[in-house]
Every structure is written in structure tokens, then in C-alpha cells.
Amino acid sequence: MKKSLLFLPLLMLLALFANAQNLSFDGPKIISYTLWKTVPSEELKAEMKKNKVPKALVNVKYTVDIYDVVYKTCWHDGTCIKASGLYFVPRGVDKPMPTTVYHHGTRVHAGRDKDLGGEDYLCLGLAVEGYTVLQPDYVGLGHGDKFHLYQLAKPLGQTSVDMLYAIRELNDTLGVKVSDKLFLTGYSEGGYATLATNKLIQEQYSKDFKVTAASGMSGAYDMGGVQSTVMFKPYDHPHYLPYLLRAVNEVYKIVPYDINNIYKAPYDTIIPKMFDGKHSLHAINEALPKIPKDMIIDSIINVYVKDTTFPLHSVLRENSLCYWKPENPVQLCFCDKDEQVTYKNAFVARDEMKKLGAEHVTLRRGGKKYGHYKCAIFSGMYTKLYFDSFLKGSKYGRKGNVNKRFLLSLAKLAIKP
């Protein structure tokens, strides 16, 4: 008995140490939050009426508070850093709300714009109908530390997962009640980030989160396949290549020196200046050659083409998101005329997932005639209809409300490509 009593203090110290270890690894994620904007429902209704948006397409039910959230995540080496994002919360909802994580497309600007714009309205469109919506900025963007690791699956997924943990804490503070429905979506790089987050949750965080459904929109999922071919042809958005290579070399060290040394003059000096978080995508694209490979020295291109063991090949394969079996339903939206992200990405992803046994992966055409930007409008609406179907009892997802789909068809006739 006395020996047992002697062990008690030791056991207590071990327990305290274990708890301290857990806190340092799995402790609170939230750092700070501020109310960034409030969008009154009446103001939004008036704006929709002014722009002749049918109420049947977007039914504005709630005023929405938008919070600017700063939280902890991990850099690729495991060190703790800051990340940020926006959180859209409907006011006055009298029942637990579904949660959506919306992943935005490619951005290079750090900081936060003063006003809502672009994809923020896709988040708002979900929130006004009763969804809580998280929009992570990704590592290095918004108020975050370091720089953005563009189109790399693990960092993108980790940023979203850690924001989900942070928002759990914030919901307790704000008194926000959420249901067990968790949806993932996003456009362009955000489409890719959607599947990256889905895969990471399924493989590493399934005890804490269960994805109800995901809808990737115009994402470059086949990084080592169909999407990699754009570097060898005229392409209006050559920024993607140095953006990607900076991220790849930071994490994988594909060359044992400064990545900017692989570029020809004058791009070896232009590129570092352009990716400083202050230049626009348009400015970067204007400064680069129309055929992306032409900015890289010929010897590197020759090695990449001729040597399949060149490290970049394995990195692209590792970060392709076609070769896994999602356990939850997945919808992949695309447009035939998408000039930035070929529709073939969605087809390859669907086919490869089905080969691995996935049963509920479906394709959804946003439009036959639309390019990358207008495709986002219709893909976003089809995603909303898909998610709504789960709230109405569907187990695997449906196309959604027939009347709304008819209105979208009419809109396609009116909106030119």
C-alpha cells in the first residue's frame, strides 16, 4: 500500500507531462478573431433586385456576420506558424447549421482587401441560406506567415483542417451551433485544395471530422499528367510555373541551389521581384513568356523531358489527386472551354477514383461554352444544389432542385461566353 502511495506523485507528474505534450501539439488553434463585416439581408436583397438576380436562384434568408480569423497551423517542416481566413456566419438561425469549407482560387497578394469581391460572394451565397462557411487564406496569404506553397496537397489540406479546429473553438465562443454536415468545395486552385483537404481528413483526421460530400470545381488534379502539358504550349497564365517551382523547391529541394537560378535572363531577376506579394497576377503574366517553358534554361527542360527519374516528375505524381479512393460522395465540376484548367483533369480524376473502387464520384458540366472565369458562376450554383440535396435527405447526392436547374439553363442562354 505504501509503495502504491509513493508511485502516485510520479504518476501525477507523468500525467501532467503527457497533458502538456498534448497541449503543445493539439492545443488551442485560435489566435484572434475580429468582426470584419456584416452584410444585412435587406441590403443584399436590394442589390440582387437591382441586378435582376431571380430570388428563386438565391433566397436571401439571413444577415451574415463575417469574421477575420487568425489561427495556428504548421509549416512544411512542422514548425508552428500563423494562418488566417474568413468565417461567414448567418444570424438568427434557430437550428444547427451545416458547415462548408470554401477554397479560393489562385492568389498572390498578401493581406486582406477592404471589400468583398469575387469568390467571397460564392461564400455569401451559401451563408445567406443557412450554411456557415470557412474560407482559408492558405499559408502565406492573408495575415499568414511564410509564403504560399502553391498547388501542394499537404500544405493546402493542413491549412483547412487547422482552420476547422480553430472554428470549433470560435463556435463555442460565439455560441454558434453546427450540425454534423461538413461540405468541401472550391474553384481552380481551390478545386485542387478541396480534394487535398478531403484526402487529408480521410487519411489522418477521420476521428474528428467526417466529410458529407465534396465538390471540386475546375481543379488541376492531374498534376503529373494532363495539366503538366500546358508548360509546352502558348498559355495566358504562365505565372503558375514559377509559383509552383518556388513551392516545390522549398519542400522537396529538386535542385540544390536557389530555384531562381534555373531561369533564363532576364527572368532570373524578374521572377523574384514579381512574387513579392505586391504584384497582381495580371502584371506577373505580362512579364513572363507566353510559352511557360521558355523562361527555364534549356538544359533543365531537356533533362525534364528525357529523364523520367528527374525529381520534378515524382513530386508532380505525389501531388496529383486522382489516385485515391474517396469514401464520401464527390462531384467534379468543369467547363469544356476552360482555357486555364483543362476539363480533362476532372475526367482523369473520376476514372482513376472509380478504378480504385470509389462508387459515388460524378461529373457536372458547368457549361460547354464558358472559359475559366464564367465557369465559376455556374459551377458554384451546381455545387450549392448538390449540397442542398444532402440536407434534403439524399445519401449520395443529386443534381438538385429542378426549377433552379431550369433557371440556370435559361441563364446560360443569356450569358455569352
Protein backbone atom coordinates (compact mmCIF):
# COMPACT_ATOMS: atom_id res chain seq x y z
CA MET A 1 0.00 0.00 0.00
CA LYS A 2 2.82 2.40 0.94
CA LYS A 3 4.65 1.59 -2.30
CA SER A 4 1.47 2.37 -4.25
CA LEU A 5 1.18 5.72 -2.47
CA LEU A 6 4.79 6.51 -3.32
CA PHE A 7 4.03 5.96 -7.00
CA LEU A 8 1.08 8.40 -7.01
CA PRO A 9 3.14 11.62 -7.27
CA LEU A 10 5.18 10.08 -10.08
CA LEU A 11 2.03 9.05 -11.95
CA MET A 12 0.59 12.52 -11.49
CA LEU A 13 3.77 14.12 -12.90
CA LEU A 14 3.69 11.76 -15.87
CA ALA A 15 0.05 12.63 -16.49
CA LEU A 16 0.80 16.36 -16.33
CA PHE A 17 3.72 15.90 -18.71
CA ALA A 18 1.52 13.96 -21.12
CA ASN A 19 -1.15 16.67 -21.00
CA ALA A 20 1.49 19.35 -21.59
CA GLN A 21 2.74 17.42 -24.60
CA ASN A 22 -0.80 17.19 -25.98
CA LEU A 23 -1.37 20.91 -25.46
CA SER A 24 1.79 21.79 -27.32
CA PHE A 25 0.78 19.60 -30.24
CA ASP A 26 -3.02 19.62 -30.20
CA GLY A 27 -3.70 22.70 -28.09
CA PRO A 28 -5.86 25.70 -28.94
CA LYS A 29 -5.65 26.74 -32.59
CA ILE A 30 -7.36 30.12 -32.46
CA ILE A 31 -5.12 33.17 -32.04
CA SER A 32 -7.57 36.02 -32.65
CA TYR A 33 -10.78 36.98 -34.42
CA THR A 34 -12.48 40.23 -35.36
CA LEU A 35 -15.84 41.04 -36.89
CA TRP A 36 -14.73 42.14 -40.36
CA LYS A 37 -18.07 42.92 -42.00
CA THR A 38 -21.80 42.46 -41.56
CA VAL A 39 -23.91 42.03 -44.69
CA PRO A 40 -27.58 42.86 -43.90
CA SER A 41 -30.11 40.66 -45.66
CA GLU A 42 -32.22 43.64 -46.83
CA GLU A 43 -29.17 45.31 -48.38
CA LEU A 44 -28.32 42.14 -50.29
CA LYS A 45 -31.92 41.67 -51.44
CA ALA A 46 -31.92 45.21 -52.85
CA GLU A 47 -28.63 44.57 -54.64
CA MET A 48 -29.97 41.35 -56.15
CA LYS A 49 -33.14 43.09 -57.31
CA LYS A 50 -31.07 45.87 -58.88
CA ASN A 51 -29.01 43.28 -60.78
CA LYS A 52 -32.11 41.21 -61.71
CA VAL A 53 -30.96 38.06 -59.92
CA PRO A 54 -34.03 35.79 -59.52
CA LYS A 55 -34.99 35.13 -55.90
CA ALA A 56 -35.59 31.53 -56.91
CA LEU A 57 -31.84 31.13 -57.51
CA VAL A 58 -30.58 32.72 -54.28
CA ASN A 59 -33.06 33.02 -51.43
CA VAL A 60 -31.61 35.58 -49.02
CA LYS A 61 -32.84 34.47 -45.60
CA TYR A 62 -30.23 35.75 -43.18
CA THR A 63 -27.96 38.66 -42.36
CA VAL A 64 -24.37 37.40 -42.34
CA ASP A 65 -21.51 38.31 -39.99
CA ILE A 66 -18.04 37.79 -41.48
CA TYR A 67 -15.14 37.24 -39.09
CA ASP A 68 -11.45 37.64 -39.88
CA VAL A 69 -9.78 34.75 -38.06
CA VAL A 70 -6.09 34.17 -37.28
CA TYR A 71 -5.07 30.67 -36.16
CA LYS A 72 -2.15 28.26 -35.80
CA THR A 73 -1.07 25.83 -38.49
CA CYS A 74 2.19 24.12 -39.48
CA TRP A 75 4.87 25.00 -42.00
CA HIS A 76 6.04 22.02 -44.05
CA ASP A 77 8.85 21.32 -41.57
CA GLY A 78 6.42 21.07 -38.65
CA THR A 79 7.08 24.47 -37.07
CA CYS A 80 4.07 26.39 -35.77
CA ILE A 81 3.09 29.45 -37.85
CA LYS A 82 0.14 31.80 -38.30
CA ALA A 83 -2.57 31.40 -40.93
CA SER A 84 -5.80 33.27 -41.47
CA GLY A 85 -9.19 33.10 -43.15
CA LEU A 86 -12.73 34.43 -43.24
CA TYR A 87 -15.69 32.87 -41.44
CA PHE A 88 -19.22 33.60 -42.69
CA VAL A 89 -21.89 33.13 -40.00
CA PRO A 90 -25.64 33.57 -40.65
CA ARG A 91 -27.52 35.41 -37.90
CA GLY A 92 -30.67 34.19 -36.22
CA VAL A 93 -30.69 30.57 -37.42
CA ASP A 94 -32.73 28.55 -34.92
CA LYS A 95 -31.25 25.13 -35.71
CA PRO A 96 -27.73 23.65 -36.08
CA MET A 97 -26.22 24.74 -39.39
CA PRO A 98 -24.22 22.78 -41.96
CA THR A 99 -20.57 23.77 -42.46
CA THR A 100 -18.85 24.40 -45.79
CA VAL A 101 -15.15 24.96 -46.36
CA TYR A 102 -14.70 27.08 -49.49
CA HIS A 103 -11.20 27.05 -51.03
CA HIS A 104 -10.46 30.09 -53.19
CA GLY A 105 -8.59 30.17 -56.49
CA THR A 106 -5.02 31.30 -57.15
CA ARG A 107 -3.98 34.48 -55.34
CA VAL A 108 -0.60 36.14 -54.97
CA HIS A 109 -1.50 39.16 -52.84
CA ALA A 110 -0.84 39.06 -49.12
CA GLY A 111 -3.08 40.99 -46.71
CA ARG A 112 -6.84 41.46 -46.83
CA ASP A 113 -8.90 43.51 -49.29
CA LYS A 114 -11.16 46.14 -47.74
CA ASP A 115 -14.27 44.96 -49.58
CA LEU A 116 -15.95 41.73 -50.58
CA GLY A 117 -15.15 40.56 -54.08
CA GLY A 118 -15.13 37.62 -56.44
CA GLU A 119 -15.34 34.31 -54.66
CA ASP A 120 -16.40 35.96 -51.39
CA TYR A 121 -19.84 36.18 -52.96
CA LEU A 122 -19.94 32.42 -53.52
CA CYS A 123 -19.35 32.05 -49.78
CA LEU A 124 -22.00 34.67 -49.07
CA GLY A 125 -24.47 32.86 -51.34
CA LEU A 126 -24.18 29.78 -49.14
CA ALA A 127 -24.27 31.73 -45.88
CA VAL A 128 -27.45 33.70 -46.65
CA GLU A 129 -29.28 30.38 -46.96
CA GLY A 130 -28.06 29.00 -43.64
CA TYR A 131 -24.59 27.50 -44.16
CA THR A 132 -21.62 28.52 -42.03
CA VAL A 133 -18.69 28.98 -44.42
CA LEU A 134 -14.93 28.89 -43.80
CA GLN A 135 -12.64 30.45 -46.42
CA PRO A 136 -8.98 29.74 -45.55
CA ASP A 137 -6.41 32.17 -46.99
CA TYR A 138 -3.82 29.35 -47.24
CA VAL A 139 -0.29 29.53 -45.86
CA GLY A 140 1.49 32.78 -46.70
CA LEU A 141 -1.63 34.68 -47.80
CA GLY A 142 -3.99 36.86 -45.80
CA HIS A 143 -2.31 37.61 -42.46
CA GLY A 144 -0.27 34.42 -42.54
CA ASP A 145 3.44 33.77 -42.06
CA LYS A 146 5.94 32.46 -44.65
CA PHE A 147 4.90 32.24 -48.34
CA HIS A 148 2.27 30.31 -50.25
CA LEU A 149 3.10 26.69 -51.16
CA TYR A 150 1.16 26.74 -54.40
CA GLN A 151 -0.59 23.56 -55.59
CA LEU A 152 0.97 21.29 -52.97
CA ALA A 153 -1.61 18.93 -51.48
CA LYS A 154 -0.44 18.52 -47.87
CA PRO A 155 0.06 22.22 -47.01
CA LEU A 156 -3.26 23.18 -48.59
CA GLY A 157 -5.14 20.43 -46.78
CA GLN A 158 -3.44 21.13 -43.45
CA THR A 159 -4.37 24.81 -43.53
CA SER A 160 -8.04 23.90 -43.99
CA VAL A 161 -8.02 21.21 -41.31
CA ASP A 162 -6.43 23.55 -38.78
CA MET A 163 -9.00 26.24 -39.58
CA LEU A 164 -11.75 23.69 -38.92
CA TYR A 165 -10.24 23.09 -35.47
CA ALA A 166 -9.97 26.84 -34.86
CA ILE A 167 -13.58 27.43 -35.87
CA ARG A 168 -14.74 24.72 -33.46
CA GLU A 169 -13.22 26.81 -30.70
CA LEU A 170 -14.69 30.03 -32.10
CA ASN A 171 -18.16 28.48 -32.36
CA ASP A 172 -18.06 27.81 -28.62
CA THR A 173 -17.15 31.45 -28.00
CA LEU A 174 -19.79 32.85 -30.37
CA GLY A 175 -22.49 30.35 -29.41
CA VAL A 176 -22.80 29.11 -33.00
CA LYS A 177 -24.47 25.71 -33.33
CA VAL A 178 -23.47 23.48 -36.24
CA SER A 179 -24.76 20.13 -37.45
CA ASP A 180 -22.76 17.07 -38.45
CA LYS A 181 -22.91 18.04 -42.15
CA LEU A 182 -19.49 19.06 -43.48
CA PHE A 183 -19.08 20.06 -47.14
CA LEU A 184 -15.90 20.91 -49.03
CA THR A 185 -15.69 22.95 -52.22
CA GLY A 186 -13.53 25.46 -54.08
CA TYR A 187 -12.60 26.74 -57.52
CA SER A 188 -9.42 26.48 -59.63
CA GLU A 189 -6.56 26.07 -57.12
CA GLY A 190 -9.43 25.83 -54.66
CA GLY A 191 -10.84 22.85 -56.56
CA TYR A 192 -7.49 21.16 -56.11
CA ALA A 193 -7.40 22.21 -52.43
CA THR A 194 -10.88 20.72 -51.98
CA LEU A 195 -9.69 17.22 -52.86
CA ALA A 196 -6.44 17.76 -50.93
CA THR A 197 -8.44 18.57 -47.80
CA ASN A 198 -10.85 15.69 -48.37
CA LYS A 199 -7.98 13.22 -48.76
CA LEU A 200 -6.13 14.53 -45.69
CA ILE A 201 -9.21 14.36 -43.48
CA GLN A 202 -9.98 10.83 -44.64
CA GLU A 203 -6.43 9.59 -44.09
CA GLN A 204 -5.41 11.45 -40.90
CA TYR A 205 -8.31 13.27 -39.24
CA SER A 206 -11.31 10.97 -39.63
CA LYS A 207 -11.73 10.67 -35.85
CA ASP A 208 -12.51 14.40 -35.61
CA PHE A 209 -14.16 15.19 -38.95
CA LYS A 210 -16.41 13.35 -41.37
CA VAL A 211 -16.92 14.84 -44.83
CA THR A 212 -20.50 14.65 -46.02
CA ALA A 213 -19.64 15.50 -49.64
CA ALA A 214 -17.10 17.43 -51.72
CA SER A 215 -17.47 19.38 -54.94
CA GLY A 216 -14.23 20.29 -56.67
CA MET A 217 -14.60 22.94 -59.38
CA SER A 218 -12.12 23.27 -62.28
CA GLY A 219 -9.19 21.94 -60.27
CA ALA A 220 -5.83 20.81 -61.72
CA TYR A 221 -5.98 17.39 -60.06
CA ASP A 222 -3.75 15.54 -62.54
CA MET A 223 -0.58 17.48 -61.82
CA GLY A 224 1.74 14.88 -63.32
CA GLY A 225 -0.46 14.22 -66.35
CA VAL A 226 -2.84 16.35 -68.43
CA GLN A 227 -2.19 19.61 -66.54
CA SER A 228 1.60 19.33 -66.87
CA THR A 229 1.38 19.64 -70.67
CA VAL A 230 0.44 23.36 -70.55
CA MET A 231 4.06 24.38 -69.98
CA PHE A 232 4.92 23.42 -73.57
CA LYS A 233 2.28 25.48 -75.42
CA PRO A 234 1.05 29.09 -75.54
CA TYR A 235 -0.70 29.79 -72.24
CA ASP A 236 -2.12 33.08 -70.99
CA HIS A 237 -1.29 32.35 -67.35
CA PRO A 238 2.41 31.42 -67.23
CA HIS A 239 2.63 32.61 -63.61
CA TYR A 240 1.70 29.10 -62.45
CA LEU A 241 5.10 27.64 -63.33
CA PRO A 242 7.45 29.81 -61.19
CA TYR A 243 4.78 29.91 -58.46
CA LEU A 244 4.74 26.11 -58.39
CA LEU A 245 8.50 25.68 -58.69
CA ARG A 246 9.20 28.00 -55.75
CA ALA A 247 6.86 25.89 -53.59
CA VAL A 248 8.24 22.59 -54.86
CA ASN A 249 11.85 23.53 -54.23
CA GLU A 250 11.07 24.83 -50.75
CA VAL A 251 9.55 21.49 -49.74
CA TYR A 252 11.32 18.93 -51.95
CA LYS A 253 14.66 20.56 -52.88
CA ILE A 254 14.54 19.39 -56.50
CA VAL A 255 17.64 21.50 -57.20
CA PRO A 256 20.34 22.01 -54.55
CA TYR A 257 20.52 25.78 -55.09
CA ASP A 258 18.33 28.87 -55.39
CA ILE A 259 15.41 27.95 -57.64
CA ASN A 260 15.71 31.31 -59.43
CA ASN A 261 18.97 30.07 -60.99
CA ILE A 262 17.03 27.75 -63.29
CA TYR A 263 15.54 30.71 -65.19
CA LYS A 264 16.98 32.36 -68.28
CA ALA A 265 17.88 36.03 -68.27
CA PRO A 266 16.04 38.33 -67.75
CA TYR A 267 13.51 36.08 -65.94
CA ASP A 268 16.06 35.07 -63.29
CA THR A 269 15.86 38.63 -61.95
CA ILE A 270 12.25 39.43 -62.93
CA ILE A 271 10.62 36.46 -61.18
CA PRO A 272 11.92 37.05 -57.62
CA LYS A 273 10.70 40.66 -57.80
CA MET A 274 7.26 39.77 -59.13
CA PHE A 275 6.41 37.20 -56.45
CA ASP A 276 6.69 39.61 -53.53
CA GLY A 277 3.01 39.64 -52.55
CA LYS A 278 2.54 43.11 -54.03
CA HIS A 279 2.16 42.45 -57.77
CA SER A 280 -1.06 41.29 -59.42
CA LEU A 281 -1.43 38.06 -61.37
CA HIS A 282 -2.01 40.16 -64.49
CA ALA A 283 1.27 42.02 -64.01
CA ILE A 284 3.17 38.76 -63.44
CA ASN A 285 1.68 37.14 -66.54
CA GLU A 286 2.55 40.17 -68.67
CA ALA A 287 6.18 39.93 -67.56
CA LEU A 288 6.59 36.25 -68.49
CA PRO A 289 6.82 34.43 -71.85
CA LYS A 290 3.62 33.05 -73.35
CA ILE A 291 5.07 29.54 -73.53
CA PRO A 292 5.97 28.81 -69.88
CA LYS A 293 8.95 26.52 -70.58
CA ASP A 294 10.70 29.39 -72.38
CA MET A 295 11.58 31.03 -69.06
CA ILE A 296 13.65 27.99 -67.97
CA ILE A 297 17.18 27.23 -69.18
CA ASP A 298 17.26 24.64 -71.95
CA SER A 299 19.38 22.08 -70.09
CA ILE A 300 16.79 21.78 -67.30
CA ILE A 301 13.94 21.40 -69.81
CA ASN A 302 15.89 18.72 -71.70
CA VAL A 303 16.50 16.74 -68.51
CA TYR A 304 12.83 17.01 -67.54
CA VAL A 305 11.67 15.78 -70.97
CA LYS A 306 14.17 12.95 -71.39
CA ASP A 307 14.75 11.69 -67.83
CA THR A 308 11.67 10.26 -66.09
CA THR A 309 13.70 9.98 -62.87
CA PHE A 310 14.14 13.77 -62.67
CA PRO A 311 12.77 14.67 -59.20
CA LEU A 312 10.05 17.00 -60.51
CA HIS A 313 8.25 14.03 -62.08
CA SER A 314 7.89 12.21 -58.76
CA VAL A 315 6.83 15.43 -56.99
CA LEU A 316 4.06 16.05 -59.52
CA ARG A 317 2.87 12.45 -59.23
CA GLU A 318 2.90 12.68 -55.44
CA ASN A 319 0.77 15.83 -55.59
CA SER A 320 -1.69 14.53 -58.16
CA LEU A 321 -5.07 13.97 -56.53
CA CYS A 322 -6.54 11.41 -58.90
CA TYR A 323 -5.08 8.25 -57.39
CA TRP A 324 -7.01 7.71 -54.16
CA LYS A 325 -10.42 6.33 -53.20
CA PRO A 326 -12.74 8.90 -51.58
CA GLU A 327 -15.13 7.35 -49.06
CA ASN A 328 -17.65 10.21 -49.32
CA PRO A 329 -19.55 11.37 -52.42
CA VAL A 330 -17.58 13.69 -54.72
CA GLN A 331 -18.79 15.90 -57.55
CA LEU A 332 -16.30 17.33 -60.07
CA CYS A 333 -17.46 20.41 -61.99
CA PHE A 334 -15.81 21.50 -65.24
CA CYS A 335 -16.34 23.56 -68.40
CA ASP A 336 -15.38 22.38 -71.87
CA LYS A 337 -13.77 25.68 -72.95
CA ASP A 338 -11.78 26.27 -69.77
CA GLU A 339 -8.54 27.79 -71.06
CA GLN A 340 -6.68 27.66 -67.74
CA VAL A 341 -7.51 24.23 -66.31
CA THR A 342 -8.35 21.62 -68.92
CA TYR A 343 -11.61 19.73 -68.31
CA LYS A 344 -9.61 16.51 -68.75
CA ASN A 345 -8.47 16.85 -65.11
CA ALA A 346 -12.00 16.05 -63.93
CA PHE A 347 -12.33 13.07 -66.28
CA VAL A 348 -8.97 11.57 -65.27
CA ALA A 349 -9.76 12.03 -61.57
CA ARG A 350 -13.21 10.43 -61.92
CA ASP A 351 -11.89 7.48 -63.93
CA GLU A 352 -8.92 6.77 -61.65
CA MET A 353 -11.02 7.04 -58.47
CA LYS A 354 -13.55 4.61 -59.89
CA LYS A 355 -10.77 2.17 -60.81
CA LEU A 356 -9.78 2.19 -57.14
CA GLY A 357 -13.34 1.37 -56.10
CA ALA A 358 -14.96 4.78 -55.45
CA GLU A 359 -18.68 4.43 -56.08
CA HIS A 360 -20.03 7.96 -55.85
CA VAL A 361 -17.84 10.21 -57.97
CA THR A 362 -19.83 12.19 -60.53
CA LEU A 363 -19.04 14.79 -63.20
CA ARG A 364 -21.04 18.02 -63.58
CA ARG A 365 -20.67 20.25 -66.62
CA GLY A 366 -20.77 23.94 -65.75
CA GLY A 367 -21.19 24.81 -69.41
CA LYS A 368 -19.98 23.87 -72.86
CA LYS A 369 -19.07 27.39 -73.98
CA TYR A 370 -17.59 29.04 -70.88
CA GLY A 371 -13.98 29.79 -70.07
CA HIS A 372 -12.40 29.68 -66.64
CA TYR A 373 -13.98 32.76 -65.05
CA LYS A 374 -17.62 32.39 -66.10
CA CYS A 375 -17.44 28.68 -65.40
CA ALA A 376 -17.12 29.59 -61.72
CA ILE A 377 -20.61 31.14 -61.65
CA PHE A 378 -22.43 28.05 -62.86
CA SER A 379 -20.17 25.54 -61.12
CA GLY A 380 -20.84 27.38 -57.87
CA MET A 381 -24.60 27.17 -58.38
CA TYR A 382 -24.47 23.47 -59.27
CA THR A 383 -22.36 22.86 -56.17
CA LYS A 384 -24.96 24.60 -53.99
CA LEU A 385 -27.75 22.45 -55.48
CA TYR A 386 -25.66 19.32 -54.90
CA PHE A 387 -25.03 20.20 -51.24
CA ASP A 388 -28.68 21.14 -50.70
CA SER A 389 -29.71 17.66 -51.81
CA PHE A 390 -27.87 16.14 -48.83
CA LEU A 391 -29.75 18.46 -46.48
CA LYS A 392 -32.98 17.18 -48.01
CA GLY A 393 -32.17 13.55 -47.30
CA SER A 394 -30.05 12.35 -50.21
CA LYS A 395 -27.37 9.89 -49.15
CA TYR A 396 -25.13 10.15 -52.21
CA GLY A 397 -26.14 13.50 -53.73
CA ARG A 398 -28.45 14.60 -56.53
CA LYS A 399 -28.41 17.32 -59.18
CA GLY A 400 -30.81 19.32 -57.05
CA ASN A 401 -33.93 21.43 -57.46
CA VAL A 402 -35.45 21.07 -60.95
CA ASN A 403 -36.79 24.64 -61.10
CA LYS A 404 -33.42 26.14 -60.17
CA ARG A 405 -31.66 23.99 -62.75
CA PHE A 406 -34.15 25.22 -65.37
CA LEU A 407 -33.40 28.84 -64.44
CA LEU A 408 -29.68 28.13 -64.73
CA SER A 409 -30.27 26.71 -68.21
CA LEU A 410 -32.07 29.91 -69.19
CA ALA A 411 -29.19 31.96 -67.75
CA LYS A 412 -26.74 30.03 -69.90
CA LEU A 413 -28.70 31.06 -73.00
CA ALA A 414 -28.47 34.71 -71.95
CA ILE A 415 -24.85 34.90 -70.76
CA LYS A 416 -22.34 34.99 -73.58
CA PRO A 417 -19.04 33.08 -73.36
